[in-house]
Amino acid sequence: MANRFMLNETSYHGHGAILNIVPEAKARGFKKAFVCSDPDLVKFGVTKKVLDLLVEGGVAYELYSNIKPNPTIENVTSGVAACKAAKADFIIAIGGGSSMDTSKAIGIIMTNPEFADVRSLEGVAPTKNPCLPIIAVATTAGTAAEVTINYVITDVEKKRKFVCVDPHDMPVVAIVDPDMMSTMPKGLTAATGMDALTHAIEGYITRGAWEMSDMFHIKAIELIGKNLRKAVANDPDGREGMALGQYIAGMGFSNVGLGIDHAMAHTLSAYYDIPHGVACAMLLPISMEFNQEVTGEKFRDIAKALGVANTESMSQEEYRLKAIDAVKKLSFDVGIPTKCEKIRKEDLDNLAKDALHDACYPGNPKEATHEEVKALFMKLM
């Protein structure tokens, strides 16, 4: 069987990368941008950094900011209407996963109107056309949505998140500029950074992992382990290291899938509106403990990438424990909680059922029963 690998057409990395937005737009013949960015980024002037460049470069735009942290079906449908009214021919997504996921769904529906019912995009939807071209400008170092073929939408009515996987939604240009991330507060830096680490670790052990994806994931684990603490302290080098690390993780997991951690995290966010990165981080040591027996020697590589010394002389039991402990220590150091007080005992059956039906679950290297997933959720209580 052949392994498929998909990446952006073009990506720019490093300080000042946003200066390439206008030249790229003009080189591609784009006329009017539909700018998607969340209200906080607009309020605190982060979005303005890009808007000023558009004004200076003579590129017309319409701003859309009806985007929630866990974007909803309504955010997408109202965005499609606004994009049509704007008569835009490309999208600039400014933000983290929320802005980019919303942009991807809008872009897909704009060119595939038969999928106007957002729920019809769940899973691997048989869309025929590439989405409205997207230039994705990352403002968080975590989701890597700027390089992935995935997006996640919240169905408020049904209290669930659904994952959409579509090669047609990948941004044509990714802008990964650490200067756009410098205003992230500590909590968001920590949560998005741990989301990136979860991407890298789950991607490294997922069923679909192979040599090319392994190359990206192990380097991402190393970069995140070295830089997340510094990024939380707003050190410029830490910001730049995390910007690269999270992107590299996205290059990998987008092509091979994730696992039970993300399946459970999506469910927690849908039920209790917990930030996605926090949910992933709380579950990461728990999911690693659950999966460790089927990972061969990969936990040795994970431990080494996270800075654990003398892994070659350790037994399998020792290096697996060290890898899990290194994740726990990093999570603690950046202020991630270990318990979720919002979980209710009466929700456990539905939480487990929804996690097992999540699109990320099939990638998990170990099968889980309904009762086992309930037990994993209970470890957070």
Protein backbone atom coordinates (compact mmCIF):
# COMPACT_ATOMS: atom_id res chain seq x y z
CA MET A 1 0.00 0.00 0.00
CA ALA A 2 1.28 3.48 -0.90
CA ASN A 3 1.52 6.14 1.83
CA ARG A 4 0.19 9.59 0.91
CA PHE A 5 1.86 12.75 2.21
CA MET A 6 0.40 16.24 1.77
CA LEU A 7 1.89 19.61 2.74
CA ASN A 8 1.33 23.30 1.93
CA GLU A 9 2.26 24.61 -1.48
CA THR A 10 4.31 27.31 0.28
CA SER A 11 5.22 28.19 3.85
CA TYR A 12 7.19 31.03 5.42
CA HIS A 13 8.91 30.70 8.79
CA GLY A 14 10.62 33.16 11.12
CA HIS A 15 10.46 36.77 12.21
CA GLY A 16 8.84 39.01 9.61
CA ALA A 17 7.18 36.15 7.74
CA ILE A 18 3.91 38.14 7.54
CA LEU A 19 5.59 40.52 5.08
CA ASN A 20 5.10 37.82 2.46
CA ILE A 21 1.29 37.86 2.64
CA VAL A 22 0.67 40.68 0.16
CA PRO A 23 3.30 39.55 -2.37
CA GLU A 24 1.87 36.02 -2.31
CA ALA A 25 -1.69 37.31 -2.75
CA LYS A 26 -0.71 39.50 -5.68
CA ALA A 27 1.43 36.82 -7.32
CA ARG A 28 -1.58 34.50 -7.26
CA GLY A 29 -3.86 37.13 -8.74
CA PHE A 30 -6.10 37.43 -5.68
CA LYS A 31 -8.25 40.56 -5.55
CA LYS A 32 -10.22 40.62 -2.28
CA ALA A 33 -9.57 38.90 1.04
CA PHE A 34 -12.14 37.52 3.44
CA VAL A 35 -10.20 37.90 6.71
CA CYS A 36 -11.25 35.48 9.46
CA SER A 37 -9.97 36.27 12.93
CA ASP A 38 -11.35 35.84 16.43
CA PRO A 39 -12.67 38.80 18.46
CA ASP A 40 -9.81 38.83 20.99
CA LEU A 41 -7.16 39.05 18.28
CA VAL A 42 -9.08 41.94 16.74
CA LYS A 43 -9.51 43.63 20.13
CA PHE A 44 -5.83 43.43 21.08
CA GLY A 45 -4.47 44.59 17.74
CA VAL A 46 -2.94 41.32 16.53
CA THR A 47 -5.20 41.12 13.48
CA LYS A 48 -4.39 44.76 12.67
CA LYS A 49 -0.77 43.80 11.93
CA VAL A 50 -2.01 41.96 8.85
CA LEU A 51 -4.79 44.41 7.97
CA ASP A 52 -2.27 47.26 7.90
CA LEU A 53 -0.19 45.30 5.40
CA LEU A 54 -3.24 44.76 3.20
CA VAL A 55 -4.10 48.47 3.26
CA GLU A 56 -0.51 49.43 2.50
CA GLY A 57 -0.37 46.89 -0.33
CA GLY A 58 -3.68 47.93 -1.84
CA VAL A 59 -5.43 44.60 -1.21
CA ALA A 60 -9.16 44.92 -0.48
CA TYR A 61 -10.58 42.94 2.41
CA GLU A 62 -13.65 42.23 4.53
CA LEU A 63 -13.18 41.29 8.20
CA TYR A 64 -15.19 38.47 9.80
CA SER A 65 -14.80 37.82 13.53
CA ASN A 66 -17.88 35.85 14.57
CA ILE A 67 -15.68 32.99 15.74
CA LYS A 68 -15.76 31.22 19.11
CA PRO A 69 -12.87 29.35 20.79
CA ASN A 70 -14.57 26.06 19.85
CA PRO A 71 -16.09 27.19 16.52
CA THR A 72 -19.71 26.25 15.96
CA ILE A 73 -21.91 25.37 13.03
CA GLU A 74 -23.44 28.86 13.31
CA ASN A 75 -19.99 30.46 13.06
CA VAL A 76 -19.48 28.62 9.78
CA THR A 77 -22.91 29.28 8.24
CA SER A 78 -22.86 32.98 9.06
CA GLY A 79 -19.30 33.11 7.73
CA VAL A 80 -20.34 31.56 4.43
CA ALA A 81 -23.08 34.19 4.05
CA ALA A 82 -20.63 36.98 4.86
CA CYS A 83 -18.02 35.63 2.45
CA LYS A 84 -20.57 35.46 -0.37
CA ALA A 85 -21.70 39.02 0.37
CA ALA A 86 -18.07 40.22 0.35
CA LYS A 87 -17.46 38.62 -3.06
CA ALA A 88 -13.99 37.62 -1.83
CA ASP A 89 -11.79 35.36 -3.94
CA PHE A 90 -9.50 34.20 -1.11
CA ILE A 91 -9.41 33.85 2.66
CA ILE A 92 -6.81 35.03 5.16
CA ALA A 93 -7.16 33.07 8.39
CA ILE A 94 -5.51 34.82 11.34
CA GLY A 95 -5.41 32.96 14.63
CA GLY A 96 -5.14 29.51 16.10
CA GLY A 97 -7.24 26.46 15.40
CA SER A 98 -10.55 28.27 15.88
CA SER A 99 -10.02 30.84 13.12
CA MET A 100 -8.41 28.34 10.79
CA ASP A 101 -11.00 25.61 11.31
CA THR A 102 -13.78 28.12 10.67
CA SER A 103 -11.98 29.34 7.54
CA LYS A 104 -11.53 25.83 6.20
CA ALA A 105 -15.22 25.00 6.59
CA ILE A 106 -16.23 28.31 4.99
CA GLY A 107 -13.77 27.81 2.15
CA ILE A 108 -14.98 24.28 1.45
CA ILE A 109 -18.66 25.26 1.35
CA MET A 110 -17.91 28.26 -0.88
CA THR A 111 -16.58 25.97 -3.62
CA ASN A 112 -18.69 22.90 -2.78
CA PRO A 113 -22.15 24.39 -2.11
CA GLU A 114 -23.77 20.95 -2.00
CA PHE A 115 -22.17 20.65 1.47
CA ALA A 116 -23.92 23.75 2.85
CA ASP A 117 -25.20 21.57 5.72
CA VAL A 118 -22.06 21.78 7.86
CA ARG A 119 -22.78 18.41 9.47
CA SER A 120 -22.39 16.78 6.05
CA LEU A 121 -18.67 17.59 6.19
CA GLU A 122 -18.01 15.22 9.11
CA GLY A 123 -15.43 12.51 8.53
CA VAL A 124 -13.99 12.23 5.04
CA ALA A 125 -16.52 14.15 2.96
CA PRO A 126 -16.43 13.49 -0.80
CA THR A 127 -15.91 17.10 -1.82
CA LYS A 128 -14.91 17.65 -5.44
CA ASN A 129 -13.25 21.07 -5.46
CA PRO A 130 -10.37 22.69 -3.56
CA CYS A 131 -11.65 25.23 -1.06
CA LEU A 132 -11.46 28.96 -1.62
CA PRO A 133 -7.68 29.58 -1.39
CA ILE A 134 -6.52 30.19 2.18
CA ILE A 135 -3.45 32.04 3.44
CA ALA A 136 -3.16 30.88 7.04
CA VAL A 137 -1.39 33.10 9.58
CA ALA A 138 -0.69 31.30 12.84
CA THR A 139 -0.94 33.24 16.11
CA THR A 140 -0.63 30.22 18.40
CA ALA A 141 2.01 27.50 18.52
CA GLY A 142 -0.15 24.43 18.85
CA THR A 143 -2.85 23.35 16.43
CA ALA A 144 -0.75 23.48 13.24
CA ALA A 145 -4.03 23.93 11.37
CA GLU A 146 -2.09 25.97 8.83
CA VAL A 147 -0.50 22.76 7.49
CA THR A 148 -3.15 20.10 8.15
CA ILE A 149 -6.07 18.67 6.20
CA ASN A 150 -8.23 18.54 9.33
CA TYR A 151 -10.67 20.85 11.04
CA VAL A 152 -13.04 20.48 13.99
CA ILE A 153 -16.49 22.04 14.38
CA THR A 154 -18.74 22.02 17.47
CA ASP A 155 -22.35 20.93 17.17
CA VAL A 156 -23.85 22.86 20.09
CA GLU A 157 -27.28 21.30 19.68
CA LYS A 158 -25.95 17.75 19.96
CA LYS A 159 -23.17 18.60 22.46
CA ARG A 160 -20.42 17.11 20.33
CA LYS A 161 -17.44 18.02 18.23
CA PHE A 162 -16.98 16.48 14.82
CA VAL A 163 -13.74 16.10 12.92
CA CYS A 164 -13.56 16.78 9.19
CA VAL A 165 -10.71 15.38 7.10
CA ASP A 166 -10.42 16.79 3.61
CA PRO A 167 -7.35 17.25 1.39
CA HIS A 168 -9.25 20.06 -0.33
CA ASP A 169 -9.11 22.28 2.78
CA MET A 170 -5.34 22.70 3.14
CA PRO A 171 -4.16 26.33 3.06
CA VAL A 172 -2.10 27.16 -0.01
CA VAL A 173 0.23 29.39 2.02
CA ALA A 174 1.22 29.07 5.68
CA ILE A 175 2.71 32.02 7.56
CA VAL A 176 4.48 30.97 10.77
CA ASP A 177 5.79 34.17 12.31
CA PRO A 178 6.76 34.05 16.02
CA ASP A 179 6.16 37.81 16.24
CA MET A 180 2.46 37.09 15.74
CA MET A 181 2.59 34.83 18.80
CA SER A 182 4.34 37.20 21.19
CA THR A 183 1.13 38.49 22.79
CA MET A 184 -0.20 35.05 23.71
CA PRO A 185 -0.82 34.87 27.48
CA LYS A 186 0.98 32.19 29.49
CA GLY A 187 -2.05 29.95 29.85
CA LEU A 188 -2.77 29.88 26.12
CA THR A 189 0.90 29.37 25.29
CA ALA A 190 1.01 26.40 27.64
CA ALA A 191 -2.25 24.85 26.42
CA THR A 192 -1.49 25.19 22.72
CA GLY A 193 2.07 23.99 23.27
CA MET A 194 0.89 20.86 25.04
CA ASP A 195 -1.60 20.31 22.22
CA ALA A 196 1.37 20.33 19.84
CA LEU A 197 3.22 17.83 22.02
CA THR A 198 0.13 15.61 22.01
CA HIS A 199 0.05 15.79 18.21
CA ALA A 200 3.69 14.73 18.05
CA ILE A 201 3.45 11.87 20.55
CA GLU A 202 0.14 10.51 19.29
CA GLY A 203 1.33 10.85 15.71
CA TYR A 204 4.52 8.96 16.57
CA ILE A 205 2.66 5.94 17.97
CA THR A 206 -0.51 5.96 15.84
CA ARG A 207 -1.40 2.96 13.66
CA GLY A 208 -0.60 4.87 10.48
CA ALA A 209 2.90 6.00 11.55
CA TRP A 210 5.77 5.26 9.18
CA GLU A 211 9.34 6.41 8.60
CA MET A 212 8.55 9.81 7.06
CA SER A 213 5.99 10.79 9.70
CA ASP A 214 8.30 9.47 12.45
CA MET A 215 11.01 11.83 11.25
CA PHE A 216 8.75 14.85 11.75
CA HIS A 217 7.24 13.73 15.04
CA ILE A 218 10.44 12.91 16.89
CA LYS A 219 11.97 16.26 15.86
CA ALA A 220 8.80 18.04 16.98
CA ILE A 221 8.93 16.34 20.40
CA GLU A 222 12.55 17.46 20.77
CA LEU A 223 11.81 21.08 19.80
CA ILE A 224 8.76 21.32 22.05
CA GLY A 225 10.59 19.76 24.99
CA LYS A 226 13.38 22.32 24.62
CA ASN A 227 11.25 25.39 23.97
CA LEU A 228 7.82 25.23 25.61
CA ARG A 229 8.95 26.37 29.07
CA LYS A 230 10.84 29.28 27.48
CA ALA A 231 7.87 30.20 25.29
CA VAL A 232 5.58 30.33 28.35
CA ALA A 233 8.11 32.77 29.84
CA ASN A 234 7.78 34.76 26.56
CA ASP A 235 11.40 34.21 25.59
CA PRO A 236 11.78 35.08 21.86
CA ASP A 237 13.91 32.02 21.13
CA GLY A 238 11.34 29.83 22.87
CA ARG A 239 8.56 31.37 20.79
CA GLU A 240 10.46 30.70 17.57
CA GLY A 241 11.31 27.14 18.59
CA MET A 242 7.68 26.40 19.44
CA ALA A 243 6.43 27.96 16.20
CA LEU A 244 8.63 25.54 14.26
CA GLY A 245 8.01 22.54 16.52
CA GLN A 246 4.23 22.73 16.32
CA TYR A 247 4.34 23.15 12.53
CA ILE A 248 6.58 20.11 12.12
CA ALA A 249 4.21 18.08 14.29
CA GLY A 250 1.38 19.15 11.99
CA MET A 251 3.33 18.02 8.94
CA GLY A 252 3.33 14.56 10.46
CA PHE A 253 0.01 13.93 12.18
CA SER A 254 -2.08 15.46 9.40
CA ASN A 255 -0.92 12.58 7.23
CA VAL A 256 -1.12 9.65 9.65
CA GLY A 257 -3.77 10.49 12.24
CA LEU A 258 -3.92 10.67 16.02
CA GLY A 259 -5.53 8.52 18.71
CA ILE A 260 -7.55 8.15 21.87
CA ASP A 261 -6.21 11.29 23.58
CA HIS A 262 -7.68 13.55 20.92
CA ALA A 263 -10.87 11.50 20.72
CA MET A 264 -11.42 11.99 24.45
CA ALA A 265 -10.29 15.64 24.38
CA HIS A 266 -12.82 16.50 21.67
CA THR A 267 -15.52 14.97 23.83
CA LEU A 268 -14.48 16.88 26.95
CA SER A 269 -14.46 20.17 25.04
CA ALA A 270 -17.88 19.51 23.54
CA TYR A 271 -19.48 18.65 26.88
CA TYR A 272 -17.82 21.16 29.18
CA ASP A 273 -16.27 23.81 26.87
CA ILE A 274 -12.79 22.97 28.15
CA PRO A 275 -9.99 24.48 26.01
CA HIS A 276 -8.82 21.83 23.59
CA GLY A 277 -5.14 22.09 24.49
CA VAL A 278 -5.84 21.77 28.22
CA ALA A 279 -7.99 18.68 27.61
CA CYS A 280 -5.26 17.09 25.48
CA ALA A 281 -2.58 17.88 28.04
CA MET A 282 -4.50 16.46 30.99
CA LEU A 283 -5.15 13.26 29.06
CA LEU A 284 -1.66 12.81 27.57
CA PRO A 285 0.03 10.93 30.45
CA ILE A 286 -3.16 8.89 30.93
CA SER A 287 -3.35 7.88 27.27
CA MET A 288 0.39 7.12 27.20
CA GLU A 289 0.00 4.79 30.17
CA PHE A 290 -2.87 3.05 28.40
CA ASN A 291 -0.98 2.63 25.11
CA GLN A 292 2.53 1.91 26.37
CA GLU A 293 2.44 -1.88 26.04
CA VAL A 294 1.91 -1.75 22.25
CA THR A 295 4.52 0.89 21.38
CA GLY A 296 7.65 -1.24 21.08
CA GLU A 297 10.72 0.92 21.70
CA LYS A 298 9.10 4.20 20.72
CA PHE A 299 8.82 5.45 24.31
CA ARG A 300 12.63 5.25 24.51
CA ASP A 301 12.81 7.70 21.60
CA ILE A 302 10.18 9.95 23.22
CA ALA A 303 12.05 9.98 26.55
CA LYS A 304 15.34 10.80 24.83
CA ALA A 305 13.76 13.58 22.75
CA LEU A 306 12.38 15.10 25.97
CA GLY A 307 15.87 15.23 27.47
CA VAL A 308 15.94 12.04 29.55
CA ALA A 309 19.54 10.84 29.88
CA ASN A 310 20.90 7.28 29.62
CA THR A 311 17.81 5.82 27.96
CA GLU A 312 19.93 3.21 26.15
CA SER A 313 20.82 1.53 29.44
CA MET A 314 17.23 1.42 30.71
CA SER A 315 14.82 -1.50 30.65
CA GLN A 316 11.62 -1.20 28.65
CA GLU A 317 9.63 -0.60 31.81
CA GLU A 318 12.07 2.10 32.94
CA TYR A 319 12.16 4.14 29.73
CA ARG A 320 8.41 3.97 29.33
CA LEU A 321 7.96 5.31 32.85
CA LYS A 322 10.58 8.00 32.21
CA ALA A 323 8.81 9.15 29.03
CA ILE A 324 5.49 9.48 30.87
CA ASP A 325 7.15 11.24 33.80
CA ALA A 326 8.88 13.71 31.45
CA VAL A 327 5.49 14.62 29.95
CA LYS A 328 3.97 15.02 33.42
CA LYS A 329 6.87 17.26 34.50
CA LEU A 330 6.62 19.49 31.42
CA SER A 331 2.86 19.78 31.84
CA PHE A 332 3.25 20.68 35.53
CA ASP A 333 6.00 23.21 34.81
CA VAL A 334 3.80 25.15 32.37
CA GLY A 335 0.80 25.15 34.70
CA ILE A 336 -1.57 22.57 33.21
CA PRO A 337 -4.09 21.14 35.73
CA THR A 338 -4.17 17.40 36.35
CA LYS A 339 -7.86 17.10 37.21
CA CYS A 340 -11.11 18.14 35.54
CA GLU A 341 -13.69 19.01 38.16
CA LYS A 342 -16.41 19.53 35.54
CA ILE A 343 -16.74 15.83 34.71
CA ARG A 344 -19.95 14.37 36.10
CA LYS A 345 -20.35 10.70 36.92
CA GLU A 346 -23.69 10.57 35.10
CA ASP A 347 -21.97 11.73 31.88
CA LEU A 348 -19.34 8.98 31.80
CA ASP A 349 -21.24 6.55 29.60
CA ASN A 350 -21.97 9.18 26.98
CA LEU A 351 -18.43 10.56 27.17
CA ALA A 352 -17.01 7.10 26.50
CA LYS A 353 -19.48 6.40 23.69
CA ASP A 354 -18.74 9.68 21.93
CA ALA A 355 -14.96 9.27 22.30
CA LEU A 356 -15.10 5.82 20.71
CA HIS A 357 -17.05 7.29 17.77
CA ASP A 358 -14.65 10.21 17.28
CA ALA A 359 -12.74 10.27 13.98
CA CYS A 360 -9.39 10.29 15.82
CA TYR A 361 -10.01 7.08 17.76
CA PRO A 362 -9.36 4.55 14.93
CA GLY A 363 -5.73 5.69 14.76
CA ASN A 364 -5.05 4.60 18.33
CA PRO A 365 -2.50 1.75 18.44
CA LYS A 366 -4.51 -0.18 21.04
CA GLU A 367 -8.20 -1.08 21.02
CA ALA A 368 -10.24 0.21 23.96
CA THR A 369 -13.51 -1.03 25.39
CA HIS A 370 -16.32 1.22 26.55
CA GLU A 371 -15.47 0.44 30.18
CA GLU A 372 -11.78 1.15 29.66
CA VAL A 373 -12.52 4.59 28.20
CA LYS A 374 -14.82 5.34 31.13
CA ALA A 375 -11.96 4.38 33.47
CA LEU A 376 -9.61 6.74 31.61
CA PHE A 377 -12.05 9.62 32.03
CA MET A 378 -12.43 8.75 35.73
CA LYS A 379 -8.68 9.28 36.22
CA LEU A 380 -9.34 12.98 35.60
CA MET A 381 -12.03 13.23 38.28
